[in-house]
Amino acid sequence: MKSWPKKYSRLFNPGGIYAILDQIKGIGGSSQLSKATTSYMALNLLHQAGGKTHSKMEVDAITHAAGFKKTELKKLHAPGFGVIICHK
């Protein structure tokens, strides 16, 4: 996640959009089912892809350092999942 925006941001025109659809740390609901689903998905991500989840603030830092100016978070109905839209 950290290398992609920096490596490819120069390919985006001003006003271009980079959308990240992923599990976002800290946006899951507060119910037990939501917490269990989010935890299970995070464990699956770690096991299958060797990855980790990032918070909106972490994504902001990564994408801003790569040259994206503004980000928006759109929560999805699935617990812990969202789309972060980055504007060049």
PDB file of N, CA and C in Angstrom:
ATOM      1  N   MET A   1       0.822  -1.201   0.000  1.00  0.00           N
ATOM      2  CA  MET A   1       0.000   0.000   0.000  1.00  0.00           C
ATOM      3  C   MET A   1       0.861   1.257   0.000  1.00  0.00           C
ATOM      4  N   LYS A   2       1.931   1.239   0.778  1.00  0.00           N
ATOM      5  CA  LYS A   2       2.719   2.471   0.919  1.00  0.00           C
ATOM      6  C   LYS A   2       3.468   2.859  -0.349  1.00  0.00           C
ATOM      7  N   SER A   3       3.915   1.897  -1.133  1.00  0.00           N
ATOM      8  CA  SER A   3       4.736   2.241  -2.303  1.00  0.00           C
ATOM      9  C   SER A   3       3.911   2.603  -3.533  1.00  0.00           C
ATOM     10  N   TRP A   4       2.715   2.044  -3.674  1.00  0.00           N
ATOM     11  CA  TRP A   4       1.937   2.269  -4.897  1.00  0.00           C
ATOM     12  C   TRP A   4       1.614   3.735  -5.145  1.00  0.00           C
ATOM     13  N   PRO A   5       1.017   4.459  -4.187  1.00  0.00           N
ATOM     14  CA  PRO A   5       0.674   5.864  -4.483  1.00  0.00           C
ATOM     15  C   PRO A   5       1.883   6.702  -4.875  1.00  0.00           C
ATOM     16  N   LYS A   6       2.991   6.517  -4.193  1.00  0.00           N
ATOM     17  CA  LYS A   6       4.179   7.325  -4.493  1.00  0.00           C
ATOM     18  C   LYS A   6       4.752   6.971  -5.860  1.00  0.00           C
ATOM     19  N   LYS A   7       4.745   5.689  -6.184  1.00  0.00           N
ATOM     20  CA  LYS A   7       5.322   5.224  -7.441  1.00  0.00           C
ATOM     21  C   LYS A   7       4.521   5.695  -8.652  1.00  0.00           C
ATOM     22  N   TYR A   8       3.191   5.745  -8.524  1.00  0.00           N
ATOM     23  CA  TYR A   8       2.351   6.008  -9.689  1.00  0.00           C
ATOM     24  C   TYR A   8       1.620   7.341  -9.677  1.00  0.00           C
ATOM     25  N   SER A   9       1.740   8.121  -8.631  1.00  0.00           N
ATOM     26  CA  SER A   9       0.971   9.374  -8.563  1.00  0.00           C
ATOM     27  C   SER A   9       1.322  10.326  -9.702  1.00  0.00           C
ATOM     28  N   ARG A  10       2.534  10.258 -10.198  1.00  0.00           N
ATOM     29  CA  ARG A  10       2.944  11.150 -11.294  1.00  0.00           C
ATOM     30  C   ARG A  10       2.179  10.857 -12.580  1.00  0.00           C
ATOM     31  N   LEU A  11       1.570   9.681 -12.681  1.00  0.00           N
ATOM     32  CA  LEU A  11       0.822   9.311 -13.879  1.00  0.00           C
ATOM     33  C   LEU A  11      -0.578   9.927 -13.908  1.00  0.00           C
ATOM     34  N   PHE A  12      -1.026  10.469 -12.774  1.00  0.00           N
ATOM     35  CA  PHE A  12      -2.360  11.058 -12.694  1.00  0.00           C
ATOM     36  C   PHE A  12      -2.329  12.510 -13.135  1.00  0.00           C
ATOM     37  N   ASN A  13      -3.314  12.900 -13.934  1.00  0.00           N
ATOM     38  CA  ASN A  13      -3.477  14.300 -14.299  1.00  0.00           C
ATOM     39  C   ASN A  13      -4.014  15.067 -13.106  1.00  0.00           C
ATOM     40  N   PRO A  14      -3.799  16.401 -13.063  1.00  0.00           N
ATOM     41  CA  PRO A  14      -4.443  17.188 -12.018  1.00  0.00           C
ATOM     42  C   PRO A  14      -5.958  16.946 -12.057  1.00  0.00           C
ATOM     43  N   GLY A  15      -6.538  16.713 -10.903  1.00  0.00           N
ATOM     44  CA  GLY A  15      -7.960  16.396 -10.827  1.00  0.00           C
ATOM     45  C   GLY A  15      -8.248  14.903 -10.938  1.00  0.00           C
ATOM     46  N   GLY A  16      -7.208  14.097 -11.188  1.00  0.00           N
ATOM     47  CA  GLY A  16      -7.386  12.646 -11.288  1.00  0.00           C
ATOM     48  C   GLY A  16      -7.800  12.045  -9.956  1.00  0.00           C
ATOM     49  N   ILE A  17      -8.421  10.876 -10.012  1.00  0.00           N
ATOM     50  CA  ILE A  17      -8.936  10.214  -8.814  1.00  0.00           C
ATOM     51  C   ILE A  17      -8.302   8.831  -8.677  1.00  0.00           C
ATOM     52  N   TYR A  18      -7.882   8.524  -7.462  1.00  0.00           N
ATOM     53  CA  TYR A  18      -7.353   7.209  -7.090  1.00  0.00           C
ATOM     54  C   TYR A  18      -8.280   6.693  -5.996  1.00  0.00           C
ATOM     55  N   ALA A  19      -8.967   5.582  -6.229  1.00  0.00           N
ATOM     56  CA  ALA A  19      -9.915   5.040  -5.255  1.00  0.00           C
ATOM     57  C   ALA A  19      -9.346   3.776  -4.616  1.00  0.00           C
ATOM     58  N   ILE A  20      -9.446   3.714  -3.300  1.00  0.00           N
ATOM     59  CA  ILE A  20      -8.975   2.561  -2.539  1.00  0.00           C
ATOM     60  C   ILE A  20     -10.191   1.898  -1.905  1.00  0.00           C
ATOM     61  N   LEU A  21     -10.489   0.687  -2.308  1.00  0.00           N
ATOM     62  CA  LEU A  21     -11.567  -0.103  -1.714  1.00  0.00           C
ATOM     63  C   LEU A  21     -10.897  -1.143  -0.838  1.00  0.00           C
ATOM     64  N   ASP A  22     -11.095  -1.036   0.462  1.00  0.00           N
ATOM     65  CA  ASP A  22     -10.370  -1.926   1.370  1.00  0.00           C
ATOM     66  C   ASP A  22     -11.022  -1.907   2.738  1.00  0.00           C
ATOM     67  N   GLN A  23     -10.465  -2.735   3.605  1.00  0.00           N
ATOM     68  CA  GLN A  23     -10.864  -2.707   5.001  1.00  0.00           C
ATOM     69  C   GLN A  23     -10.102  -1.546   5.639  1.00  0.00           C
ATOM     70  N   ILE A  24     -10.823  -0.639   6.274  1.00  0.00           N
ATOM     71  CA  ILE A  24     -10.222   0.552   6.864  1.00  0.00           C
ATOM     72  C   ILE A  24     -10.280   0.436   8.383  1.00  0.00           C
ATOM     73  N   LYS A  25      -9.131   0.523   9.014  1.00  0.00           N
ATOM     74  CA  LYS A  25      -9.056   0.392  10.463  1.00  0.00           C
ATOM     75  C   LYS A  25      -9.826   1.529  11.146  1.00  0.00           C
ATOM     76  N   GLY A  26     -10.665   1.176  12.111  1.00  0.00           N
ATOM     77  CA  GLY A  26     -11.336   2.175  12.924  1.00  0.00           C
ATOM     78  C   GLY A  26     -12.705   2.615  12.434  1.00  0.00           C
ATOM     79  N   ILE A  27     -13.232   2.011  11.353  1.00  0.00           N
ATOM     80  CA  ILE A  27     -14.555   2.450  10.892  1.00  0.00           C
ATOM     81  C   ILE A  27     -15.617   1.378  11.069  1.00  0.00           C
ATOM     82  N   GLY A  28     -15.285   0.268  11.717  1.00  0.00           N
ATOM     83  CA  GLY A  28     -16.269  -0.787  11.952  1.00  0.00           C
ATOM     84  C   GLY A  28     -17.314  -0.312  12.945  1.00  0.00           C
ATOM     85  N   GLY A  29     -18.427  -0.980  12.987  1.00  0.00           N
ATOM     86  CA  GLY A  29     -19.499  -0.634  13.916  1.00  0.00           C
ATOM     87  C   GLY A  29     -19.162  -1.051  15.341  1.00  0.00           C
ATOM     88  N   SER A  30     -20.094  -0.824  16.247  1.00  0.00           N
ATOM     89  CA  SER A  30     -19.836  -1.116  17.652  1.00  0.00           C
ATOM     90  C   SER A  30     -20.528  -2.383  18.134  1.00  0.00           C
ATOM     91  N   SER A  31     -21.341  -3.032  17.295  1.00  0.00           N
ATOM     92  CA  SER A  31     -22.014  -4.256  17.729  1.00  0.00           C
ATOM     93  C   SER A  31     -21.005  -5.402  17.807  1.00  0.00           C
ATOM     94  N   GLN A  32     -21.351  -6.431  18.544  1.00  0.00           N
ATOM     95  CA  GLN A  32     -20.475  -7.598  18.678  1.00  0.00           C
ATOM     96  C   GLN A  32     -20.266  -8.271  17.316  1.00  0.00           C
ATOM     97  N   LEU A  33     -21.337  -8.357  16.519  1.00  0.00           N
ATOM     98  CA  LEU A  33     -21.222  -8.965  15.194  1.00  0.00           C
ATOM     99  C   LEU A  33     -20.280  -8.164  14.308  1.00  0.00           C
ATOM    100  N   SER A  34     -20.404  -6.850  14.359  1.00  0.00           N
ATOM    101  CA  SER A  34     -19.537  -5.991  13.557  1.00  0.00           C
ATOM    102  C   SER A  34     -18.082  -6.151  13.979  1.00  0.00           C
ATOM    103  N   LYS A  35     -17.837  -6.158  15.274  1.00  0.00           N
ATOM    104  CA  LYS A  35     -16.466  -6.324  15.770  1.00  0.00           C
ATOM    105  C   LYS A  35     -15.901  -7.693  15.386  1.00  0.00           C
ATOM    106  N   ALA A  36     -16.728  -8.730  15.501  1.00  0.00           N
ATOM    107  CA  ALA A  36     -16.270 -10.080  15.153  1.00  0.00           C
ATOM    108  C   ALA A  36     -15.961 -10.174  13.652  1.00  0.00           C
ATOM    109  N   THR A  37     -16.832  -9.616  12.818  1.00  0.00           N
ATOM    110  CA  THR A  37     -16.628  -9.651  11.367  1.00  0.00           C
ATOM    111  C   THR A  37     -15.356  -8.907  10.988  1.00  0.00           C
ATOM    112  N   THR A  38     -15.177  -7.718  11.547  1.00  0.00           N
ATOM    113  CA  THR A  38     -13.995  -6.914  11.251  1.00  0.00           C
ATOM    114  C   THR A  38     -12.724  -7.634  11.693  1.00  0.00           C
ATOM    115  N   SER A  39     -12.738  -8.228  12.884  1.00  0.00           N
ATOM    116  CA  SER A  39     -11.568  -8.951  13.391  1.00  0.00           C
ATOM    117  C   SER A  39     -11.255 -10.166  12.526  1.00  0.00           C
ATOM    118  N   TYR A  40     -12.299 -10.905  12.140  1.00  0.00           N
ATOM    119  CA  TYR A  40     -12.090 -12.078  11.290  1.00  0.00           C
ATOM    120  C   TYR A  40     -11.488 -11.677   9.943  1.00  0.00           C
ATOM    121  N   MET A  41     -12.015 -10.616   9.349  1.00  0.00           N
ATOM    122  CA  MET A  41     -11.511 -10.174   8.050  1.00  0.00           C
ATOM    123  C   MET A  41     -10.060  -9.692   8.156  1.00  0.00           C
ATOM    124  N   ALA A  42      -9.729  -9.014   9.243  1.00  0.00           N
ATOM    125  CA  ALA A  42      -8.353  -8.552   9.439  1.00  0.00           C
ATOM    126  C   ALA A  42      -7.405  -9.743   9.583  1.00  0.00           C
ATOM    127  N   LEU A  43      -7.829 -10.747  10.321  1.00  0.00           N
ATOM    128  CA  LEU A  43      -7.013 -11.945  10.486  1.00  0.00           C
ATOM    129  C   LEU A  43      -6.836 -12.661   9.149  1.00  0.00           C
ATOM    130  N   ASN A  44      -7.903 -12.735   8.375  1.00  0.00           N
ATOM    131  CA  ASN A  44      -7.835 -13.356   7.054  1.00  0.00           C
ATOM    132  C   ASN A  44      -6.877 -12.587   6.136  1.00  0.00           C
ATOM    133  N   LEU A  45      -6.954 -11.257   6.161  1.00  0.00           N
ATOM    134  CA  LEU A  45      -6.058 -10.430   5.351  1.00  0.00           C
ATOM    135  C   LEU A  45      -4.604 -10.687   5.732  1.00  0.00           C
ATOM    136  N   LEU A  46      -4.326 -10.731   7.026  1.00  0.00           N
ATOM    137  CA  LEU A  46      -2.965 -10.981   7.493  1.00  0.00           C
ATOM    138  C   LEU A  46      -2.484 -12.352   7.038  1.00  0.00           C
ATOM    139  N   HIS A  47      -3.333 -13.349   7.191  1.00  0.00           N
ATOM    140  CA  HIS A  47      -2.949 -14.714   6.833  1.00  0.00           C
ATOM    141  C   HIS A  47      -2.788 -14.894   5.324  1.00  0.00           C
ATOM    142  N   GLN A  48      -3.729 -14.408   4.543  1.00  0.00           N
ATOM    143  CA  GLN A  48      -3.725 -14.635   3.100  1.00  0.00           C
ATOM    144  C   GLN A  48      -2.730 -13.750   2.343  1.00  0.00           C
ATOM    145  N   ALA A  49      -2.641 -12.492   2.746  1.00  0.00           N
ATOM    146  CA  ALA A  49      -1.849 -11.546   1.958  1.00  0.00           C
ATOM    147  C   ALA A  49      -0.641 -10.987   2.693  1.00  0.00           C
ATOM    148  N   GLY A  50      -0.488 -11.341   3.953  1.00  0.00           N
ATOM    149  CA  GLY A  50       0.630 -10.792   4.721  1.00  0.00           C
ATOM    150  C   GLY A  50       0.511  -9.289   4.906  1.00  0.00           C
ATOM    151  N   GLY A  51      -0.691  -8.785   4.771  1.00  0.00           N
ATOM    152  CA  GLY A  51      -0.913  -7.338   4.838  1.00  0.00           C
ATOM    153  C   GLY A  51      -1.423  -6.869   6.172  1.00  0.00           C
ATOM    154  N   LYS A  52      -1.746  -5.607   6.219  1.00  0.00           N
ATOM    155  CA  LYS A  52      -2.324  -5.024   7.414  1.00  0.00           C
ATOM    156  C   LYS A  52      -3.338  -3.978   7.001  1.00  0.00           C
ATOM    157  N   THR A  53      -4.231  -3.645   7.908  1.00  0.00           N
ATOM    158  CA  THR A  53      -5.205  -2.603   7.622  1.00  0.00           C
ATOM    159  C   THR A  53      -4.607  -1.254   7.996  1.00  0.00           C
ATOM    160  N   HIS A  54      -5.076  -0.211   7.355  1.00  0.00           N
ATOM    161  CA  HIS A  54      -4.622   1.150   7.617  1.00  0.00           C
ATOM    162  C   HIS A  54      -5.819   1.998   8.019  1.00  0.00           C
ATOM    163  N   SER A  55      -5.584   2.956   8.891  1.00  0.00           N
ATOM    164  CA  SER A  55      -6.638   3.903   9.255  1.00  0.00           C
ATOM    165  C   SER A  55      -6.725   4.983   8.181  1.00  0.00           C
ATOM    166  N   LYS A  56      -7.802   5.733   8.217  1.00  0.00           N
ATOM    167  CA  LYS A  56      -7.966   6.851   7.268  1.00  0.00           C
ATOM    168  C   LYS A  56      -6.802   7.827   7.417  1.00  0.00           C
ATOM    169  N   MET A  57      -6.384   8.090   8.648  1.00  0.00           N
ATOM    170  CA  MET A  57      -5.265   9.025   8.871  1.00  0.00           C
ATOM    171  C   MET A  57      -3.963   8.490   8.268  1.00  0.00           C
ATOM    172  N   GLU A  58      -3.733   7.192   8.367  1.00  0.00           N
ATOM    173  CA  GLU A  58      -2.529   6.596   7.768  1.00  0.00           C
ATOM    174  C   GLU A  58      -2.575   6.695   6.246  1.00  0.00           C
ATOM    175  N   VAL A  59      -3.742   6.415   5.665  1.00  0.00           N
ATOM    176  CA  VAL A  59      -3.892   6.525   4.208  1.00  0.00           C
ATOM    177  C   VAL A  59      -3.695   7.980   3.781  1.00  0.00           C
ATOM    178  N   ASP A  60      -4.240   8.926   4.551  1.00  0.00           N
ATOM    179  CA  ASP A  60      -4.049  10.348   4.245  1.00  0.00           C
ATOM    180  C   ASP A  60      -2.563  10.699   4.197  1.00  0.00           C
ATOM    181  N   ALA A  61      -1.808  10.247   5.181  1.00  0.00           N
ATOM    182  CA  ALA A  61      -0.373  10.556   5.232  1.00  0.00           C
ATOM    183  C   ALA A  61       0.361   9.975   4.020  1.00  0.00           C
ATOM    184  N   ILE A  62       0.017   8.725   3.661  1.00  0.00           N
ATOM    185  CA  ILE A  62       0.672   8.067   2.529  1.00  0.00           C
ATOM    186  C   ILE A  62       0.332   8.774   1.218  1.00  0.00           C
ATOM    187  N   THR A  63      -0.950   9.057   1.007  1.00  0.00           N
ATOM    188  CA  THR A  63      -1.364   9.647  -0.268  1.00  0.00           C
ATOM    189  C   THR A  63      -0.965  11.119  -0.378  1.00  0.00           C
ATOM    190  N   HIS A  64      -0.986  11.850   0.722  1.00  0.00           N
ATOM    191  CA  HIS A  64      -0.561  13.257   0.675  1.00  0.00           C
ATOM    192  C   HIS A  64       0.934  13.339   0.370  1.00  0.00           C
ATOM    193  N   ALA A  65       1.722  12.433   0.944  1.00  0.00           N
ATOM    194  CA  ALA A  65       3.160  12.410   0.657  1.00  0.00           C
ATOM    195  C   ALA A  65       3.417  12.085  -0.816  1.00  0.00           C
ATOM    196  N   ALA A  66       2.483  11.366  -1.436  1.00  0.00           N
ATOM    197  CA  ALA A  66       2.621  10.999  -2.845  1.00  0.00           C
ATOM    198  C   ALA A  66       2.106  12.081  -3.794  1.00  0.00           C
ATOM    199  N   GLY A  67       1.509  13.139  -3.236  1.00  0.00           N
ATOM    200  CA  GLY A  67       1.062  14.231  -4.091  1.00  0.00           C
ATOM    201  C   GLY A  67      -0.441  14.359  -4.278  1.00  0.00           C
ATOM    202  N   PHE A  68      -1.215  13.505  -3.598  1.00  0.00           N
ATOM    203  CA  PHE A  68      -2.664  13.656  -3.659  1.00  0.00           C
ATOM    204  C   PHE A  68      -3.073  14.722  -2.649  1.00  0.00           C
ATOM    205  N   LYS A  69      -4.009  15.587  -3.034  1.00  0.00           N
ATOM    206  CA  LYS A  69      -4.322  16.761  -2.224  1.00  0.00           C
ATOM    207  C   LYS A  69      -5.449  16.550  -1.216  1.00  0.00           C
ATOM    208  N   LYS A  70      -6.452  15.776  -1.564  1.00  0.00           N
ATOM    209  CA  LYS A  70      -7.635  15.641  -0.721  1.00  0.00           C
ATOM    210  C   LYS A  70      -8.118  14.203  -0.755  1.00  0.00           C
ATOM    211  N   THR A  71      -8.646  13.714   0.380  1.00  0.00           N
ATOM    212  CA  THR A  71      -9.231  12.378   0.421  1.00  0.00           C
ATOM    213  C   THR A  71     -10.615  12.437   1.055  1.00  0.00           C
ATOM    214  N   GLU A  72     -11.455  11.499   0.646  1.00  0.00           N
ATOM    215  CA  GLU A  72     -12.797  11.362   1.222  1.00  0.00           C
ATOM    216  C   GLU A  72     -13.011   9.901   1.568  1.00  0.00           C
ATOM    217  N   LEU A  73     -13.645   9.637   2.715  1.00  0.00           N
ATOM    218  CA  LEU A  73     -13.974   8.279   3.118  1.00  0.00           C
ATOM    219  C   LEU A  73     -15.465   8.046   2.923  1.00  0.00           C
ATOM    220  N   LYS A  74     -15.798   6.986   2.223  1.00  0.00           N
ATOM    221  CA  LYS A  74     -17.186   6.553   2.046  1.00  0.00           C
ATOM    222  C   LYS A  74     -17.308   5.177   2.689  1.00  0.00           C
ATOM    223  N   LYS A  75     -18.056   5.082   3.789  1.00  0.00           N
ATOM    224  CA  LYS A  75     -18.250   3.792   4.448  1.00  0.00           C
ATOM    225  C   LYS A  75     -19.190   2.924   3.624  1.00  0.00           C
ATOM    226  N   LEU A  76     -18.912   1.635   3.627  1.00  0.00           N
ATOM    227  CA  LEU A  76     -19.778   0.667   2.961  1.00  0.00           C
ATOM    228  C   LEU A  76     -20.627  -0.034   4.025  1.00  0.00           C
ATOM    229  N   HIS A  77     -21.618  -0.784   3.585  1.00  0.00           N
ATOM    230  CA  HIS A  77     -22.495  -1.474   4.535  1.00  0.00           C
ATOM    231  C   HIS A  77     -21.792  -2.626   5.236  1.00  0.00           C
ATOM    232  N   ALA A  78     -20.781  -3.194   4.625  1.00  0.00           N
ATOM    233  CA  ALA A  78     -20.020  -4.269   5.255  1.00  0.00           C
ATOM    234  C   ALA A  78     -19.162  -3.676   6.369  1.00  0.00           C
ATOM    235  N   PRO A  79     -19.195  -4.247   7.572  1.00  0.00           N
ATOM    236  CA  PRO A  79     -18.453  -3.673   8.700  1.00  0.00           C
ATOM    237  C   PRO A  79     -16.962  -3.549   8.419  1.00  0.00           C
ATOM    238  N   GLY A  80     -16.425  -2.360   8.618  1.00  0.00           N
ATOM    239  CA  GLY A  80     -14.996  -2.129   8.469  1.00  0.00           C
ATOM    240  C   GLY A  80     -14.525  -1.842   7.062  1.00  0.00           C
ATOM    241  N   PHE A  81     -15.411  -1.918   6.089  1.00  0.00           N
ATOM    242  CA  PHE A  81     -14.999  -1.696   4.715  1.00  0.00           C
ATOM    243  C   PHE A  81     -15.413  -0.312   4.247  1.00  0.00           C
ATOM    244  N   GLY A  82     -14.570   0.285   3.427  1.00  0.00           N
ATOM    245  CA  GLY A  82     -14.872   1.601   2.908  1.00  0.00           C
ATOM    246  C   GLY A  82     -14.093   1.877   1.636  1.00  0.00           C
ATOM    247  N   VAL A  83     -14.421   2.996   1.029  1.00  0.00           N
ATOM    248  CA  VAL A  83     -13.715   3.468  -0.153  1.00  0.00           C
ATOM    249  C   VAL A  83     -13.100   4.812   0.228  1.00  0.00           C
ATOM    250  N   ILE A  84     -11.814   4.931   0.006  1.00  0.00           N
ATOM    251  CA  ILE A  84     -11.157   6.230   0.189  1.00  0.00           C
ATOM    252  C   ILE A  84     -10.863   6.765  -1.197  1.00  0.00           C
ATOM    253  N   ILE A  85     -11.419   7.924  -1.490  1.00  0.00           N
ATOM    254  CA  ILE A  85     -11.245   8.568  -2.789  1.00  0.00           C
ATOM    255  C   ILE A  85     -10.199   9.655  -2.627  1.00  0.00           C
ATOM    256  N   CYS A  86      -9.115   9.538  -3.379  1.00  0.00           N
ATOM    257  CA  CYS A  86      -7.990  10.473  -3.311  1.00  0.00           C
ATOM    258  C   CYS A  86      -8.011  11.332  -4.567  1.00  0.00           C
ATOM    259  N   HIS A  87      -7.893  12.622  -4.389  1.00  0.00           N
ATOM    260  CA  HIS A  87      -7.916  13.573  -5.514  1.00  0.00           C
ATOM    261  C   HIS A  87      -6.517  14.125  -5.740  1.00  0.00           C
ATOM    262  N   LYS A  88      -6.079  14.109  -6.978  1.00  0.00           N
ATOM    263  CA  LYS A  88      -4.752  14.633  -7.333  1.00  0.00           C
ATOM    264  C   LYS A  88      -4.826  16.136  -7.482  1.00  0.00           C
TER     265      LYS A  88
END
